[in-house]
N, C-alpha and C. Protein backbone atom coordinates (compact mmCIF):
# COMPACT_ATOMS: atom_id res chain seq x y z
N MET A 1 75.90 15.45 22.76
CA MET A 1 74.55 15.19 22.23
C MET A 1 74.08 13.81 22.68
N SER A 2 72.86 13.70 23.12
CA SER A 2 72.35 12.43 23.60
C SER A 2 72.11 11.46 22.46
N THR A 3 72.05 10.16 22.81
CA THR A 3 71.75 9.14 21.80
C THR A 3 70.40 9.39 21.17
N LYS A 4 69.44 9.83 21.97
CA LYS A 4 68.11 10.10 21.44
C LYS A 4 68.16 11.18 20.36
N ASN A 5 68.90 12.27 20.64
CA ASN A 5 68.98 13.34 19.66
C ASN A 5 69.68 12.90 18.39
N LYS A 6 70.70 12.05 18.53
CA LYS A 6 71.37 11.52 17.35
C LYS A 6 70.40 10.73 16.49
N CYS A 7 69.57 9.92 17.14
CA CYS A 7 68.58 9.14 16.39
C CYS A 7 67.59 10.05 15.70
N ASP A 8 67.14 11.10 16.41
CA ASP A 8 66.15 11.99 15.85
C ASP A 8 66.67 12.72 14.61
N LYS A 9 67.99 13.00 14.58
CA LYS A 9 68.55 13.76 13.48
C LYS A 9 69.06 12.86 12.36
N ALA A 10 69.04 11.55 12.54
CA ALA A 10 69.52 10.63 11.50
C ALA A 10 68.59 10.69 10.30
N ALA A 11 69.18 10.46 9.12
CA ALA A 11 68.37 10.46 7.89
C ALA A 11 67.39 9.30 7.93
N PRO A 12 66.15 9.53 7.51
CA PRO A 12 65.21 8.41 7.41
C PRO A 12 65.63 7.48 6.28
N LEU A 13 65.13 6.27 6.31
CA LEU A 13 65.49 5.26 5.31
C LEU A 13 64.29 4.87 4.47
N LEU A 14 64.47 4.89 3.16
CA LEU A 14 63.49 4.31 2.24
C LEU A 14 64.00 2.91 1.93
N LEU A 15 63.41 1.91 2.58
CA LEU A 15 63.84 0.53 2.42
C LEU A 15 62.99 -0.15 1.36
N LEU A 16 63.61 -0.55 0.27
CA LEU A 16 62.92 -1.17 -0.85
C LEU A 16 63.16 -2.67 -0.84
N LEU A 17 62.10 -3.44 -0.64
CA LEU A 17 62.19 -4.89 -0.80
C LEU A 17 62.02 -5.21 -2.28
N LYS A 18 62.84 -6.12 -2.78
CA LYS A 18 62.79 -6.50 -4.20
C LYS A 18 62.75 -8.01 -4.30
N GLY A 19 61.93 -8.53 -5.22
CA GLY A 19 61.89 -9.97 -5.42
C GLY A 19 60.63 -10.39 -6.16
N HIS A 20 60.73 -11.52 -6.82
CA HIS A 20 59.58 -12.04 -7.55
C HIS A 20 58.56 -12.64 -6.58
N PRO A 21 57.33 -12.85 -7.02
CA PRO A 21 56.32 -13.49 -6.18
C PRO A 21 56.81 -14.83 -5.63
N GLY A 22 56.55 -15.06 -4.36
CA GLY A 22 56.94 -16.31 -3.73
C GLY A 22 58.37 -16.34 -3.22
N SER A 23 59.08 -15.23 -3.36
CA SER A 23 60.49 -15.19 -2.96
C SER A 23 60.68 -14.97 -1.45
N GLY A 24 59.62 -14.66 -0.74
CA GLY A 24 59.72 -14.37 0.68
C GLY A 24 59.84 -12.89 0.98
N LYS A 25 59.73 -12.10 -0.06
CA LYS A 25 59.88 -10.64 0.05
C LYS A 25 58.84 -10.02 0.99
N SER A 26 57.58 -10.35 0.80
CA SER A 26 56.52 -9.74 1.61
C SER A 26 56.58 -10.21 3.06
N THR A 27 56.95 -11.46 3.26
CA THR A 27 57.10 -11.98 4.62
C THR A 27 58.18 -11.20 5.36
N LEU A 28 59.30 -10.97 4.68
CA LEU A 28 60.40 -10.22 5.30
C LEU A 28 60.00 -8.76 5.52
N ALA A 29 59.32 -8.17 4.56
CA ALA A 29 58.88 -6.78 4.71
C ALA A 29 58.03 -6.61 5.96
N LYS A 30 57.11 -7.52 6.17
CA LYS A 30 56.23 -7.45 7.35
C LYS A 30 57.03 -7.65 8.64
N GLN A 31 58.01 -8.58 8.61
CA GLN A 31 58.84 -8.82 9.79
C GLN A 31 59.63 -7.57 10.17
N VAL A 32 60.25 -6.94 9.18
CA VAL A 32 61.04 -5.74 9.43
C VAL A 32 60.14 -4.62 9.97
N ALA A 33 59.01 -4.41 9.30
CA ALA A 33 58.09 -3.35 9.72
C ALA A 33 57.57 -3.59 11.14
N ARG A 34 57.21 -4.82 11.43
CA ARG A 34 56.65 -5.13 12.76
C ARG A 34 57.71 -5.00 13.85
N HIS A 35 58.88 -5.57 13.62
CA HIS A 35 59.89 -5.62 14.67
C HIS A 35 60.52 -4.25 14.93
N LEU A 36 60.67 -3.44 13.88
CA LEU A 36 61.31 -2.13 14.03
C LEU A 36 60.29 -0.99 14.11
N HIS A 37 59.01 -1.35 14.20
CA HIS A 37 57.95 -0.34 14.37
C HIS A 37 57.95 0.66 13.21
N LEU A 38 58.06 0.15 11.99
CA LEU A 38 58.10 1.00 10.81
C LEU A 38 56.82 0.87 10.00
N PRO A 39 56.37 1.95 9.36
CA PRO A 39 55.22 1.85 8.45
C PRO A 39 55.58 1.03 7.23
N LEU A 40 54.58 0.38 6.66
CA LEU A 40 54.77 -0.48 5.48
C LEU A 40 53.89 0.02 4.35
N ALA A 41 54.51 0.26 3.20
CA ALA A 41 53.77 0.63 1.98
C ALA A 41 53.87 -0.54 1.01
N ASP A 42 52.75 -1.18 0.73
CA ASP A 42 52.71 -2.39 -0.09
C ASP A 42 51.95 -2.11 -1.38
N LYS A 43 52.61 -2.31 -2.51
CA LYS A 43 51.98 -2.06 -3.81
C LYS A 43 50.72 -2.88 -3.99
N ASP A 44 50.73 -4.11 -3.50
CA ASP A 44 49.57 -4.99 -3.70
C ASP A 44 48.34 -4.53 -2.93
N ASP A 45 48.52 -3.79 -1.85
CA ASP A 45 47.36 -3.27 -1.12
C ASP A 45 46.54 -2.37 -2.03
N ALA A 46 47.23 -1.49 -2.75
CA ALA A 46 46.53 -0.60 -3.69
C ALA A 46 45.97 -1.40 -4.86
N ARG A 47 46.78 -2.32 -5.38
CA ARG A 47 46.35 -3.09 -6.56
C ARG A 47 45.13 -3.94 -6.25
N ASP A 48 45.08 -4.52 -5.08
CA ASP A 48 43.92 -5.34 -4.70
C ASP A 48 42.66 -4.48 -4.60
N CYS A 49 42.81 -3.26 -4.10
CA CYS A 49 41.65 -2.36 -4.01
C CYS A 49 41.14 -1.98 -5.40
N PHE A 50 42.07 -1.72 -6.31
CA PHE A 50 41.66 -1.38 -7.67
C PHE A 50 40.98 -2.57 -8.34
N ARG A 51 41.47 -3.76 -8.04
CA ARG A 51 40.86 -4.97 -8.59
C ARG A 51 39.42 -5.12 -8.08
N ALA A 52 39.24 -4.86 -6.80
CA ALA A 52 37.90 -4.94 -6.22
C ALA A 52 36.98 -3.91 -6.86
N ALA A 53 37.51 -2.72 -7.12
CA ALA A 53 36.71 -1.67 -7.77
C ALA A 53 36.32 -2.09 -9.18
N GLU A 54 37.23 -2.76 -9.88
CA GLU A 54 36.91 -3.26 -11.22
C GLU A 54 35.76 -4.25 -11.16
N GLU A 55 35.80 -5.12 -10.16
CA GLU A 55 34.76 -6.13 -10.02
C GLU A 55 33.40 -5.48 -9.79
N GLN A 56 33.40 -4.39 -9.03
CA GLN A 56 32.14 -3.74 -8.67
C GLN A 56 31.64 -2.77 -9.73
N TYR A 57 32.58 -2.01 -10.32
CA TYR A 57 32.17 -0.92 -11.21
C TYR A 57 32.52 -1.15 -12.68
N GLY A 58 33.23 -2.22 -12.98
CA GLY A 58 33.59 -2.50 -14.36
C GLY A 58 35.04 -2.15 -14.66
N PRO A 59 35.53 -2.52 -15.86
CA PRO A 59 36.92 -2.29 -16.25
C PRO A 59 37.31 -0.83 -16.17
N ALA A 60 38.62 -0.61 -15.95
CA ALA A 60 39.14 0.75 -15.78
C ALA A 60 39.50 1.41 -17.10
N GLY A 61 39.16 0.76 -18.20
CA GLY A 61 39.42 1.36 -19.51
C GLY A 61 40.90 1.43 -19.81
N THR A 62 41.39 2.61 -20.13
CA THR A 62 42.79 2.76 -20.52
C THR A 62 43.73 2.96 -19.33
N TRP A 63 43.19 2.98 -18.12
CA TRP A 63 44.04 3.16 -16.95
C TRP A 63 44.96 1.96 -16.76
N ASP A 64 46.23 2.22 -16.46
CA ASP A 64 47.18 1.16 -16.10
C ASP A 64 47.14 1.04 -14.58
N LEU A 65 46.37 0.08 -14.09
CA LEU A 65 46.17 -0.02 -12.65
C LEU A 65 47.43 -0.44 -11.92
N ASN A 66 48.31 -1.19 -12.59
CA ASN A 66 49.57 -1.57 -11.95
C ASN A 66 50.45 -0.34 -11.73
N ALA A 67 50.55 0.50 -12.76
CA ALA A 67 51.33 1.73 -12.64
C ALA A 67 50.73 2.66 -11.59
N LEU A 68 49.40 2.73 -11.57
CA LEU A 68 48.72 3.57 -10.59
C LEU A 68 48.97 3.06 -9.17
N SER A 69 49.05 1.74 -9.02
CA SER A 69 49.33 1.15 -7.71
C SER A 69 50.70 1.56 -7.21
N TYR A 70 51.67 1.60 -8.11
CA TYR A 70 53.01 2.06 -7.73
C TYR A 70 52.99 3.52 -7.31
N GLU A 71 52.19 4.33 -8.02
CA GLU A 71 52.09 5.75 -7.66
C GLU A 71 51.54 5.91 -6.24
N VAL A 72 50.52 5.12 -5.92
CA VAL A 72 49.95 5.17 -4.57
C VAL A 72 51.00 4.75 -3.54
N MET A 73 51.71 3.66 -3.84
CA MET A 73 52.74 3.15 -2.93
C MET A 73 53.81 4.20 -2.65
N PHE A 74 54.32 4.83 -3.71
CA PHE A 74 55.36 5.83 -3.52
C PHE A 74 54.82 7.09 -2.82
N SER A 75 53.56 7.41 -3.05
CA SER A 75 52.96 8.55 -2.38
C SER A 75 52.88 8.32 -0.88
N VAL A 76 52.48 7.11 -0.49
CA VAL A 76 52.43 6.76 0.93
C VAL A 76 53.83 6.82 1.54
N ALA A 77 54.81 6.27 0.82
CA ALA A 77 56.19 6.28 1.32
C ALA A 77 56.70 7.71 1.47
N ALA A 78 56.40 8.57 0.49
CA ALA A 78 56.86 9.96 0.54
C ALA A 78 56.27 10.69 1.74
N SER A 79 55.03 10.41 2.07
CA SER A 79 54.39 11.05 3.22
C SER A 79 55.11 10.69 4.52
N GLN A 80 55.56 9.43 4.62
CA GLN A 80 56.30 9.01 5.81
C GLN A 80 57.66 9.69 5.88
N LEU A 81 58.37 9.73 4.74
CA LEU A 81 59.69 10.35 4.71
C LEU A 81 59.61 11.84 5.03
N ALA A 82 58.52 12.47 4.60
CA ALA A 82 58.33 13.90 4.88
C ALA A 82 58.23 14.17 6.38
N CYS A 83 57.83 13.15 7.13
CA CYS A 83 57.76 13.25 8.59
C CYS A 83 59.05 12.75 9.25
N GLN A 84 60.11 12.56 8.44
CA GLN A 84 61.39 12.03 8.93
C GLN A 84 61.22 10.63 9.52
N GLN A 85 60.34 9.85 8.89
CA GLN A 85 60.04 8.50 9.35
C GLN A 85 60.52 7.50 8.31
N SER A 86 61.39 6.57 8.72
CA SER A 86 61.79 5.49 7.81
C SER A 86 60.58 4.66 7.44
N VAL A 87 60.63 4.05 6.25
CA VAL A 87 59.47 3.30 5.76
C VAL A 87 59.93 2.10 4.95
N VAL A 88 59.20 1.00 5.08
CA VAL A 88 59.45 -0.23 4.32
C VAL A 88 58.51 -0.25 3.12
N VAL A 89 59.06 -0.51 1.94
CA VAL A 89 58.27 -0.53 0.71
C VAL A 89 58.35 -1.92 0.09
N ASP A 90 57.20 -2.53 -0.13
CA ASP A 90 57.11 -3.91 -0.62
C ASP A 90 56.54 -3.94 -2.03
N SER A 91 57.38 -4.33 -2.99
CA SER A 91 56.94 -4.49 -4.38
C SER A 91 57.97 -5.35 -5.10
N PRO A 92 57.63 -5.92 -6.26
CA PRO A 92 58.63 -6.70 -7.01
C PRO A 92 59.84 -5.87 -7.42
N LEU A 93 59.63 -4.58 -7.70
CA LEU A 93 60.71 -3.66 -8.10
C LEU A 93 61.51 -4.23 -9.28
N SER A 94 60.80 -4.79 -10.24
CA SER A 94 61.46 -5.49 -11.35
C SER A 94 62.05 -4.56 -12.39
N LYS A 95 61.55 -3.33 -12.46
CA LYS A 95 62.03 -2.39 -13.47
C LYS A 95 62.93 -1.34 -12.84
N VAL A 96 64.03 -1.04 -13.49
CA VAL A 96 64.97 -0.06 -12.96
C VAL A 96 64.33 1.32 -12.83
N GLU A 97 63.35 1.61 -13.68
CA GLU A 97 62.67 2.90 -13.60
C GLU A 97 61.99 3.09 -12.24
N LEU A 98 61.54 2.00 -11.65
CA LEU A 98 60.90 2.09 -10.34
C LEU A 98 61.92 2.43 -9.26
N TYR A 99 63.12 1.86 -9.38
CA TYR A 99 64.19 2.21 -8.45
C TYR A 99 64.56 3.68 -8.61
N GLN A 100 64.65 4.14 -9.84
CA GLN A 100 64.97 5.54 -10.09
C GLN A 100 63.91 6.47 -9.50
N LYS A 101 62.65 6.05 -9.59
CA LYS A 101 61.56 6.82 -8.97
C LYS A 101 61.76 6.88 -7.46
N ALA A 102 62.12 5.75 -6.88
CA ALA A 102 62.34 5.69 -5.43
C ALA A 102 63.49 6.60 -5.01
N VAL A 103 64.56 6.60 -5.79
CA VAL A 103 65.71 7.46 -5.50
C VAL A 103 65.30 8.93 -5.52
N ALA A 104 64.48 9.30 -6.49
CA ALA A 104 64.01 10.69 -6.59
C ALA A 104 63.16 11.07 -5.37
N VAL A 105 62.31 10.15 -4.94
CA VAL A 105 61.48 10.39 -3.76
C VAL A 105 62.36 10.57 -2.52
N ALA A 106 63.35 9.68 -2.38
CA ALA A 106 64.25 9.75 -1.22
C ALA A 106 65.06 11.05 -1.23
N LYS A 107 65.55 11.43 -2.40
CA LYS A 107 66.36 12.65 -2.50
C LYS A 107 65.56 13.88 -2.08
N LYS A 108 64.31 13.92 -2.47
CA LYS A 108 63.45 15.06 -2.12
C LYS A 108 63.33 15.23 -0.62
N HIS A 109 63.41 14.12 0.11
CA HIS A 109 63.22 14.16 1.56
C HIS A 109 64.51 13.87 2.32
N ASN A 110 65.65 13.96 1.63
CA ASN A 110 66.96 13.75 2.27
C ASN A 110 67.03 12.41 3.00
N ALA A 111 66.54 11.38 2.34
CA ALA A 111 66.51 10.05 2.94
C ALA A 111 67.56 9.14 2.30
N ASP A 112 68.00 8.15 3.06
CA ASP A 112 68.85 7.09 2.52
C ASP A 112 67.97 6.11 1.75
N VAL A 113 68.60 5.37 0.83
CA VAL A 113 67.90 4.34 0.07
C VAL A 113 68.65 3.02 0.22
N ALA A 114 67.93 1.96 0.51
CA ALA A 114 68.52 0.63 0.56
C ALA A 114 67.60 -0.35 -0.16
N VAL A 115 68.20 -1.29 -0.86
CA VAL A 115 67.46 -2.36 -1.53
C VAL A 115 67.84 -3.68 -0.88
N ILE A 116 66.85 -4.43 -0.44
CA ILE A 116 67.06 -5.79 0.02
C ILE A 116 66.35 -6.71 -0.95
N GLU A 117 67.14 -7.52 -1.64
CA GLU A 117 66.58 -8.41 -2.66
C GLU A 117 66.48 -9.83 -2.14
N CYS A 118 65.29 -10.40 -2.25
CA CYS A 118 65.05 -11.78 -1.84
C CYS A 118 65.12 -12.67 -3.07
N GLN A 119 66.05 -13.60 -3.06
CA GLN A 119 66.29 -14.43 -4.24
C GLN A 119 66.53 -15.87 -3.81
N PRO A 120 65.50 -16.72 -3.84
CA PRO A 120 65.67 -18.11 -3.43
C PRO A 120 66.58 -18.87 -4.40
N SER A 121 67.56 -19.58 -3.86
CA SER A 121 68.46 -20.37 -4.72
C SER A 121 67.88 -21.74 -5.04
N ASP A 122 66.99 -22.22 -4.18
CA ASP A 122 66.37 -23.53 -4.38
C ASP A 122 65.04 -23.35 -5.10
N VAL A 123 65.03 -23.68 -6.39
CA VAL A 123 63.84 -23.48 -7.22
C VAL A 123 62.67 -24.32 -6.73
N GLY A 124 62.96 -25.53 -6.25
CA GLY A 124 61.90 -26.41 -5.77
C GLY A 124 61.15 -25.82 -4.59
N ILE A 125 61.89 -25.28 -3.63
CA ILE A 125 61.27 -24.64 -2.46
C ILE A 125 60.48 -23.41 -2.89
N TRP A 126 61.05 -22.65 -3.79
CA TRP A 126 60.38 -21.44 -4.31
C TRP A 126 59.04 -21.80 -4.95
N GLN A 127 59.05 -22.85 -5.78
CA GLN A 127 57.82 -23.27 -6.45
C GLN A 127 56.77 -23.71 -5.44
N GLN A 128 57.18 -24.49 -4.44
CA GLN A 128 56.24 -24.95 -3.42
C GLN A 128 55.58 -23.78 -2.70
N ARG A 129 56.39 -22.79 -2.34
CA ARG A 129 55.85 -21.62 -1.63
C ARG A 129 54.87 -20.85 -2.50
N LEU A 130 55.25 -20.64 -3.75
CA LEU A 130 54.40 -19.87 -4.65
C LEU A 130 53.05 -20.54 -4.83
N GLU A 131 53.06 -21.84 -5.11
CA GLU A 131 51.81 -22.53 -5.41
C GLU A 131 50.97 -22.75 -4.15
N ALA A 132 51.62 -22.89 -3.00
CA ALA A 132 50.86 -22.99 -1.74
C ALA A 132 50.15 -21.68 -1.46
N ARG A 133 50.85 -20.58 -1.70
CA ARG A 133 50.23 -19.27 -1.50
C ARG A 133 49.09 -19.05 -2.49
N GLY A 134 49.29 -19.50 -3.72
CA GLY A 134 48.26 -19.35 -4.74
C GLY A 134 46.96 -20.03 -4.33
N LYS A 135 47.06 -21.21 -3.72
CA LYS A 135 45.87 -21.92 -3.27
C LYS A 135 45.18 -21.18 -2.13
N GLN A 136 45.97 -20.56 -1.27
CA GLN A 136 45.40 -19.84 -0.12
C GLN A 136 44.69 -18.56 -0.54
N GLU A 137 45.09 -18.00 -1.68
CA GLU A 137 44.56 -16.69 -2.09
C GLU A 137 43.50 -16.79 -3.19
N LEU A 138 42.94 -17.96 -3.38
CA LEU A 138 41.95 -18.14 -4.44
C LEU A 138 40.75 -17.22 -4.27
N ASP A 139 40.39 -16.93 -3.03
CA ASP A 139 39.19 -16.13 -2.77
C ASP A 139 39.48 -14.63 -2.67
N ARG A 140 40.74 -14.25 -2.81
CA ARG A 140 41.10 -12.84 -2.70
C ARG A 140 41.16 -12.19 -4.07
N MET A 141 41.13 -10.86 -4.09
CA MET A 141 41.20 -10.11 -5.35
C MET A 141 42.66 -9.99 -5.80
N THR A 142 43.29 -11.14 -6.09
CA THR A 142 44.71 -11.13 -6.41
C THR A 142 45.00 -11.77 -7.75
N SER A 143 44.05 -11.70 -8.69
CA SER A 143 44.25 -12.35 -9.98
C SER A 143 45.35 -11.70 -10.79
N HIS A 144 45.82 -10.53 -10.37
CA HIS A 144 46.92 -9.87 -11.07
C HIS A 144 48.26 -10.51 -10.74
N LYS A 145 48.30 -11.42 -9.74
CA LYS A 145 49.55 -12.04 -9.32
C LYS A 145 49.63 -13.48 -9.81
N PRO A 146 50.83 -13.93 -10.22
CA PRO A 146 50.97 -15.33 -10.63
C PRO A 146 50.75 -16.27 -9.45
N THR A 147 50.03 -17.35 -9.69
CA THR A 147 49.75 -18.31 -8.62
C THR A 147 50.30 -19.69 -8.92
N THR A 148 50.84 -19.89 -10.13
CA THR A 148 51.46 -21.16 -10.50
C THR A 148 52.87 -20.90 -10.99
N TRP A 149 53.69 -21.95 -10.98
CA TRP A 149 55.06 -21.82 -11.45
C TRP A 149 55.11 -21.45 -12.92
N ALA A 150 54.20 -22.00 -13.71
CA ALA A 150 54.17 -21.68 -15.14
C ALA A 150 53.89 -20.20 -15.36
N GLU A 151 52.96 -19.64 -14.58
CA GLU A 151 52.65 -18.22 -14.71
C GLU A 151 53.84 -17.35 -14.32
N LEU A 152 54.56 -17.76 -13.27
CA LEU A 152 55.70 -16.98 -12.83
C LEU A 152 56.84 -17.03 -13.84
N THR A 153 57.15 -18.22 -14.35
CA THR A 153 58.24 -18.33 -15.33
C THR A 153 57.91 -17.56 -16.60
N ASP A 154 56.64 -17.54 -16.97
CA ASP A 154 56.24 -16.75 -18.14
C ASP A 154 56.46 -15.26 -17.87
N LEU A 155 56.12 -14.82 -16.67
CA LEU A 155 56.32 -13.41 -16.30
C LEU A 155 57.80 -13.05 -16.34
N ILE A 156 58.64 -13.91 -15.78
CA ILE A 156 60.08 -13.64 -15.74
C ILE A 156 60.66 -13.60 -17.15
N CYS A 157 60.19 -14.48 -18.01
CA CYS A 157 60.65 -14.49 -19.41
C CYS A 157 60.30 -13.18 -20.10
N ARG A 158 59.13 -12.65 -19.80
CA ARG A 158 58.70 -11.39 -20.44
C ARG A 158 59.53 -10.20 -19.97
N TYR A 159 60.14 -10.31 -18.80
CA TYR A 159 61.05 -9.24 -18.36
C TYR A 159 62.31 -9.19 -19.22
N ASN A 160 62.62 -10.31 -19.88
CA ASN A 160 63.79 -10.38 -20.77
C ASN A 160 65.07 -9.92 -20.06
N LYS A 161 65.23 -10.38 -18.83
CA LYS A 161 66.41 -10.11 -17.99
C LYS A 161 66.51 -8.67 -17.51
N LYS A 162 65.53 -7.84 -17.83
CA LYS A 162 65.58 -6.45 -17.36
C LYS A 162 65.35 -6.36 -15.85
N ASP A 163 64.81 -7.43 -15.25
CA ASP A 163 64.60 -7.45 -13.81
C ASP A 163 65.91 -7.65 -13.05
N LYS A 164 66.99 -7.95 -13.78
CA LYS A 164 68.29 -8.20 -13.15
C LYS A 164 69.13 -6.94 -13.02
N TRP A 165 68.52 -5.78 -13.16
CA TRP A 165 69.25 -4.51 -13.09
C TRP A 165 70.02 -4.35 -11.79
N SER A 166 69.55 -4.99 -10.73
CA SER A 166 70.18 -4.82 -9.41
C SER A 166 71.44 -5.65 -9.24
N THR A 167 71.64 -6.64 -10.11
CA THR A 167 72.78 -7.55 -9.96
C THR A 167 73.68 -7.61 -11.18
N ASP A 168 73.32 -6.92 -12.26
CA ASP A 168 74.12 -7.03 -13.48
C ASP A 168 75.19 -5.94 -13.60
N GLY A 169 75.31 -5.10 -12.58
CA GLY A 169 76.37 -4.10 -12.57
C GLY A 169 76.07 -2.82 -13.33
N THR A 170 74.86 -2.69 -13.85
CA THR A 170 74.53 -1.50 -14.65
C THR A 170 74.02 -0.34 -13.80
N VAL A 171 73.62 -0.63 -12.56
CA VAL A 171 73.03 0.40 -11.70
C VAL A 171 73.79 0.47 -10.38
N LYS A 172 74.14 1.67 -9.98
CA LYS A 172 74.79 1.87 -8.69
C LYS A 172 73.72 2.06 -7.63
N ILE A 173 73.69 1.16 -6.65
CA ILE A 173 72.70 1.21 -5.58
C ILE A 173 73.38 1.70 -4.32
N GLN A 174 72.76 2.65 -3.64
CA GLN A 174 73.37 3.25 -2.46
C GLN A 174 73.72 2.20 -1.41
N HIS A 175 72.75 1.37 -1.05
CA HIS A 175 72.97 0.29 -0.09
C HIS A 175 72.20 -0.93 -0.58
N TYR A 176 72.86 -2.08 -0.59
CA TYR A 176 72.24 -3.27 -1.19
C TYR A 176 72.57 -4.51 -0.38
N LEU A 177 71.56 -5.36 -0.20
CA LEU A 177 71.74 -6.65 0.46
C LEU A 177 70.98 -7.71 -0.32
N LEU A 178 71.67 -8.79 -0.68
CA LEU A 178 71.04 -9.91 -1.37
C LEU A 178 70.86 -11.05 -0.38
N LEU A 179 69.63 -11.51 -0.22
CA LEU A 179 69.33 -12.59 0.72
C LEU A 179 68.84 -13.83 -0.02
N ASP A 180 69.44 -14.97 0.31
CA ASP A 180 68.93 -16.25 -0.18
C ASP A 180 67.85 -16.70 0.80
N THR A 181 66.61 -16.60 0.37
CA THR A 181 65.48 -16.89 1.26
C THR A 181 64.98 -18.33 1.15
N SER A 182 65.76 -19.19 0.50
CA SER A 182 65.36 -20.60 0.41
C SER A 182 65.42 -21.26 1.78
N PHE A 183 66.41 -20.87 2.55
CA PHE A 183 66.66 -21.53 3.83
C PHE A 183 66.68 -20.51 4.96
N GLY A 184 66.69 -21.01 6.18
CA GLY A 184 66.65 -20.11 7.33
C GLY A 184 65.22 -19.80 7.73
N THR A 185 65.10 -19.06 8.80
CA THR A 185 63.78 -18.70 9.33
C THR A 185 63.54 -17.21 9.16
N ALA A 186 62.31 -16.80 9.39
CA ALA A 186 61.99 -15.38 9.33
C ALA A 186 62.84 -14.61 10.33
N ALA A 187 63.06 -15.21 11.50
CA ALA A 187 63.86 -14.55 12.53
C ALA A 187 65.32 -14.40 12.10
N SER A 188 65.88 -15.44 11.46
CA SER A 188 67.28 -15.35 11.02
C SER A 188 67.44 -14.34 9.90
N HIS A 189 66.46 -14.26 9.01
CA HIS A 189 66.52 -13.26 7.94
C HIS A 189 66.43 -11.85 8.53
N LEU A 190 65.57 -11.68 9.51
CA LEU A 190 65.44 -10.39 10.17
C LEU A 190 66.74 -9.98 10.85
N SER A 191 67.42 -10.94 11.47
CA SER A 191 68.70 -10.65 12.12
C SER A 191 69.73 -10.17 11.11
N LEU A 192 69.74 -10.77 9.93
CA LEU A 192 70.67 -10.34 8.88
C LEU A 192 70.36 -8.91 8.44
N VAL A 193 69.08 -8.59 8.34
CA VAL A 193 68.69 -7.23 7.95
C VAL A 193 69.12 -6.23 9.02
N LYS A 194 68.90 -6.56 10.27
CA LYS A 194 69.28 -5.65 11.35
C LYS A 194 70.79 -5.47 11.42
N GLN A 195 71.54 -6.53 11.16
CA GLN A 195 73.00 -6.41 11.12
C GLN A 195 73.43 -5.51 9.97
N PHE A 196 72.76 -5.65 8.84
CA PHE A 196 73.01 -4.80 7.67
C PHE A 196 72.77 -3.34 8.02
N PHE A 197 71.66 -3.05 8.66
CA PHE A 197 71.36 -1.68 9.09
C PHE A 197 72.45 -1.16 10.04
N HIS A 198 72.82 -2.00 10.99
CA HIS A 198 73.83 -1.60 11.98
C HIS A 198 75.16 -1.30 11.31
N ASP A 199 75.60 -2.17 10.40
CA ASP A 199 76.89 -2.00 9.73
C ASP A 199 76.91 -0.74 8.86
N LYS A 200 75.78 -0.41 8.25
CA LYS A 200 75.70 0.73 7.34
C LYS A 200 75.24 2.02 8.03
N GLY A 201 74.86 1.91 9.30
CA GLY A 201 74.36 3.08 10.00
C GLY A 201 73.02 3.56 9.49
N LEU A 202 72.16 2.62 9.10
CA LEU A 202 70.87 2.95 8.49
C LEU A 202 69.73 2.87 9.49
N ALA A 203 68.66 3.61 9.19
CA ALA A 203 67.40 3.52 9.95
C ALA A 203 67.63 3.63 11.44
N ARG A 204 68.47 4.59 11.85
CA ARG A 204 68.75 4.72 13.28
C ARG A 204 67.53 5.15 14.08
N ASP A 205 66.54 5.74 13.40
CA ASP A 205 65.29 6.07 14.09
C ASP A 205 64.56 4.80 14.51
N ALA A 206 64.76 3.72 13.75
CA ALA A 206 64.09 2.45 14.05
C ALA A 206 64.97 1.52 14.87
N MET A 207 66.30 1.59 14.70
CA MET A 207 67.20 0.65 15.35
C MET A 207 67.27 0.85 16.86
N ARG A 208 66.66 1.92 17.37
CA ARG A 208 66.61 2.09 18.83
C ARG A 208 65.68 1.07 19.48
N TYR A 209 64.90 0.35 18.65
CA TYR A 209 63.99 -0.66 19.20
C TYR A 209 64.73 -1.99 19.31
N GLY A 210 65.22 -2.33 20.48
CA GLY A 210 65.81 -3.63 20.72
C GLY A 210 67.25 -3.73 20.26
N ASP A 211 67.83 -4.91 20.49
CA ASP A 211 69.20 -5.20 20.11
C ASP A 211 69.25 -5.69 18.68
N ILE A 212 70.49 -5.96 18.20
CA ILE A 212 70.65 -6.48 16.85
C ILE A 212 70.01 -7.85 16.74
N ASN A 213 70.22 -8.69 17.74
CA ASN A 213 69.66 -10.04 17.70
C ASN A 213 68.17 -10.01 18.01
N VAL A 214 67.44 -10.88 17.30
CA VAL A 214 65.99 -10.96 17.50
C VAL A 214 65.68 -11.75 18.76
């Protein structure tokens, strides 16, 4: 069997990026999608559109726009998997129920599931990134996202440690990689992700693009 046929028959990958705002999660998601020619499903794309609709047409009433944004994100991802296409999914993924939803979507389409969690160890660098981004996005429809360190710490406190489901040993994750995104470059982080894919035999439909090294 040719290498091409092996790639074509490999299971697609549902790659879930996980991390709090300012952790470098979205930057890495875009790098992986761009370099490996993969579609990207971003929860905030849907959420920003709903926010714009609220501004134009008024409040959504009893609708939970955040939950609806996740539904849109998973629907886009499912469409890609149905075509045997690996897909990158960008969201905080703070609740274990969202991971369970992703697993169900992947199972339906015989796809692998991997979680890459971005977790900066240097709080000072994390704060600088978050607040710098907040200043850049003042004119965008992103008021649903924390833009200051105080807002982020308040959000994390409200999770009451439930966002730690991926590291507290309570959930078995098929494939998992924890990245310290405080240091290094986008290219070095991408190289670690590609090595992870190579070691686990993941996303072979995408790994045909280029070598392991960036």
